[in-house]
Amino acid sequence: MSLKHALLVLLESQPATGYDLRKRFAEHMGYFWSASHQQIYLQLKKLNAEGQVSCEITEQADKPDKKTYTLTEQGQASLQEWLCEPVKPCAYNDALLVKLYAGHLTDTEVLITEISRLREHNEKKLAIFQGLERDYQSLAPSPRQQMKLPFLTLRRGILEVQAWLSWSEEVLAALRD
């Protein structure tokens, strides 16, 4: 997946400014896809140049012009084409695993501290995810049905964090042994 497709997905539901997209991106996709605001604005510029989005400029006094982006027919076609393509397996780059692999080159306490720090981070993330899960489960049937697929992405996140926490317990036990 590219940032391009994530932005097209977000624009499919409604037009938005770069600021709005950055905010929606963080709220809805930030848990499983990262992008800086510079990357988002650069991609919007490219999508506009390619004709996949249109840009309406509104002048503002004492502020930069406001640019509102809308998905074009060409952008919709590109999004549909991408949705039908098979995805590649995710590349997995994890600096912690490299540190653990090279753990014989450092003090065990360094690794224990690092794993413990990341455990705290993942425990907080799990609490956020579980809160979102409770919110979903409290929805009425119709909105819950509409949110079924985003909910399944949330479930994947929950299971991944739970697996990481379980694995980290195993690692900490081995390091302390």
Protein backbone atom coordinates (compact mmCIF):
# COMPACT_ATOMS: atom_id res chain seq x y z
CA MET A 1 0.00 0.00 0.00
CA SER A 2 1.12 3.49 -0.59
CA LEU A 3 0.20 6.72 1.10
CA LYS A 4 -1.53 7.61 -2.15
CA HIS A 5 -4.11 4.87 -1.64
CA ALA A 6 -4.66 5.70 2.01
CA LEU A 7 -5.43 9.31 1.06
CA LEU A 8 -7.74 8.22 -1.77
CA VAL A 9 -9.62 6.03 0.71
CA LEU A 10 -10.02 8.97 3.11
CA LEU A 11 -11.15 11.31 0.32
CA GLU A 12 -13.65 8.77 -1.00
CA SER A 13 -16.10 9.58 1.78
CA GLN A 14 -15.85 13.38 1.65
CA PRO A 15 -13.68 16.27 0.45
CA ALA A 16 -11.11 17.53 2.93
CA THR A 17 -8.29 19.97 3.46
CA GLY A 18 -4.76 18.72 4.00
CA TYR A 19 -5.15 19.52 7.70
CA ASP A 20 -8.41 17.55 7.90
CA LEU A 21 -6.82 14.61 6.08
CA ARG A 22 -3.81 14.63 8.40
CA LYS A 23 -6.16 14.56 11.40
CA ARG A 24 -8.42 11.82 9.95
CA PHE A 25 -5.35 9.84 8.92
CA ALA A 26 -4.00 9.93 12.48
CA GLU A 27 -7.38 9.03 13.98
CA HIS A 28 -8.32 6.25 11.59
CA MET A 29 -5.15 4.87 10.02
CA GLY A 30 -2.39 6.07 12.29
CA TYR A 31 -2.48 2.85 14.28
CA PHE A 32 -1.39 0.78 11.29
CA TRP A 33 0.14 3.23 8.81
CA SER A 34 2.42 6.16 9.50
CA ALA A 35 2.98 9.30 7.47
CA SER A 36 4.31 12.72 8.35
CA HIS A 37 2.36 15.84 7.49
CA GLN A 38 5.04 16.67 4.89
CA GLN A 39 4.49 13.31 3.20
CA ILE A 40 0.73 13.85 3.17
CA TYR A 41 0.96 17.32 1.63
CA LEU A 42 3.53 16.19 -0.95
CA GLN A 43 1.30 13.25 -1.95
CA LEU A 44 -1.74 15.53 -2.24
CA LYS A 45 0.25 17.77 -4.59
CA LYS A 46 1.16 14.71 -6.71
CA LEU A 47 -2.40 13.39 -6.74
CA ASN A 48 -3.64 16.81 -7.86
CA ALA A 49 -1.02 16.96 -10.65
CA GLU A 50 -2.05 13.45 -11.79
CA GLY A 51 -5.73 14.45 -11.86
CA GLN A 52 -6.74 11.94 -9.19
CA VAL A 53 -7.92 14.71 -6.88
CA SER A 54 -9.09 18.22 -7.59
CA CYS A 55 -8.20 21.16 -5.41
CA GLU A 56 -10.45 24.10 -4.63
CA ILE A 57 -8.59 27.08 -3.21
CA THR A 58 -10.30 29.45 -0.79
CA GLU A 59 -8.51 32.66 0.05
CA GLN A 60 -8.28 33.49 3.76
CA ALA A 61 -7.30 36.78 5.33
CA ASP A 62 -4.14 36.58 7.46
CA LYS A 63 -3.78 32.85 6.75
CA PRO A 64 -2.47 30.76 3.87
CA ASP A 65 -5.05 29.85 1.25
CA LYS A 66 -7.26 26.91 2.22
CA LYS A 67 -7.07 23.98 -0.21
CA THR A 68 -9.93 21.50 -0.21
CA TYR A 69 -9.29 18.25 -2.04
CA THR A 70 -11.96 16.13 -3.72
CA LEU A 71 -11.59 12.69 -5.26
CA THR A 72 -12.03 12.81 -9.05
CA GLU A 73 -13.43 10.10 -11.30
CA GLN A 74 -9.85 9.24 -12.24
CA GLY A 75 -8.95 8.97 -8.54
CA GLN A 76 -12.00 6.78 -7.91
CA ALA A 77 -10.96 4.51 -10.80
CA SER A 78 -7.40 4.33 -9.48
CA LEU A 79 -8.71 3.45 -6.02
CA GLN A 80 -10.99 0.72 -7.42
CA GLU A 81 -8.12 -0.70 -9.48
CA TRP A 82 -5.86 -0.80 -6.41
CA LEU A 83 -8.59 -2.44 -4.30
CA CYS A 84 -8.73 -5.30 -6.83
CA GLU A 85 -4.95 -5.89 -6.87
CA PRO A 86 -3.45 -8.55 -4.62
CA VAL A 87 -1.39 -7.14 -1.76
CA LYS A 88 2.22 -8.05 -1.18
CA PRO A 89 3.19 -9.56 2.16
CA CYS A 90 4.35 -6.86 4.56
CA ALA A 91 8.05 -6.28 4.91
CA TYR A 92 8.97 -6.49 8.54
CA ASN A 93 11.74 -4.27 9.86
CA ASP A 94 12.01 -4.28 13.63
CA ALA A 95 15.03 -2.66 15.28
CA LEU A 96 14.21 -4.39 18.56
CA LEU A 97 14.63 -7.80 16.97
CA VAL A 98 18.04 -6.79 15.64
CA LYS A 99 19.04 -5.59 19.13
CA LEU A 100 17.80 -8.83 20.65
CA TYR A 101 19.62 -10.87 18.01
CA ALA A 102 22.81 -8.99 18.89
CA GLY A 103 22.05 -9.14 22.61
CA HIS A 104 25.23 -11.06 23.36
CA LEU A 105 27.12 -7.84 22.58
CA THR A 106 25.54 -5.83 25.42
CA ASP A 107 24.52 -6.10 29.04
CA THR A 108 21.30 -8.06 29.59
CA GLU A 109 19.93 -5.18 31.68
CA VAL A 110 19.99 -2.97 28.58
CA LEU A 111 17.68 -5.40 26.81
CA ILE A 112 15.44 -5.84 29.84
CA THR A 113 15.06 -2.05 30.12
CA GLU A 114 14.24 -1.75 26.42
CA ILE A 115 11.68 -4.57 26.46
CA SER A 116 10.10 -3.16 29.62
CA ARG A 117 9.84 0.31 28.09
CA LEU A 118 8.17 -1.09 24.98
CA ARG A 119 5.85 -3.22 27.12
CA GLU A 120 4.56 -0.05 28.77
CA HIS A 121 4.00 1.52 25.36
CA ASN A 122 2.15 -1.56 24.09
CA GLU A 123 0.05 -1.86 27.25
CA LYS A 124 -1.13 1.75 26.71
CA LYS A 125 -1.81 1.01 23.04
CA LEU A 126 -3.82 -2.08 23.99
CA ALA A 127 -5.89 -0.04 26.45
CA ILE A 128 -6.69 2.48 23.67
CA PHE A 129 -7.60 -0.30 21.25
CA GLN A 130 -9.80 -2.02 23.81
CA GLY A 131 -11.54 1.29 24.50
CA LEU A 132 -12.25 1.64 20.78
CA GLU A 133 -13.52 -1.94 20.77
CA ARG A 134 -15.93 -1.16 23.62
CA ASP A 135 -17.12 1.94 21.74
CA TYR A 136 -17.82 -0.22 18.68
CA GLN A 137 -19.70 -2.82 20.70
CA SER A 138 -21.89 -0.12 22.24
CA LEU A 139 -23.08 1.07 18.81
CA ALA A 140 -26.60 0.38 17.62
CA PRO A 141 -26.84 -2.48 15.07
CA SER A 142 -26.99 -0.29 11.95
CA PRO A 143 -23.90 1.84 12.69
CA ARG A 144 -22.11 -1.26 13.96
CA GLN A 145 -22.77 -2.98 10.62
CA GLN A 146 -21.40 0.06 8.77
CA MET A 147 -18.23 -0.05 10.90
CA LYS A 148 -17.71 -3.81 10.58
CA LEU A 149 -14.61 -3.66 8.35
CA PRO A 150 -12.84 -0.88 10.29
CA PHE A 151 -13.64 -2.92 13.41
CA LEU A 152 -11.87 -5.92 11.90
CA THR A 153 -8.74 -3.80 11.36
CA LEU A 154 -8.99 -2.84 15.03
CA ARG A 155 -9.26 -6.51 16.02
CA ARG A 156 -6.07 -7.24 14.07
CA GLY A 157 -4.32 -4.48 16.02
CA ILE A 158 -5.57 -5.88 19.33
CA LEU A 159 -4.41 -9.39 18.50
CA GLU A 160 -0.99 -8.15 17.35
CA VAL A 161 -0.43 -6.13 20.53
CA GLN A 162 -1.61 -9.02 22.71
CA ALA A 163 0.78 -11.35 20.87
CA TRP A 164 3.65 -8.87 21.30
CA LEU A 165 2.95 -8.57 25.03
CA SER A 166 2.86 -12.36 25.39
CA TRP A 167 6.13 -12.68 23.45
CA SER A 168 7.76 -9.96 25.56
CA GLU A 169 6.93 -11.88 28.74
CA GLU A 170 8.72 -14.88 27.26
CA VAL A 171 11.74 -12.73 26.34
CA LEU A 172 11.92 -11.09 29.77
CA ALA A 173 11.74 -14.48 31.48
CA ALA A 174 14.57 -15.79 29.26
CA LEU A 175 16.70 -12.70 29.86
CA ARG A 176 16.25 -12.91 33.62
CA ASP A 177 16.99 -16.66 33.66
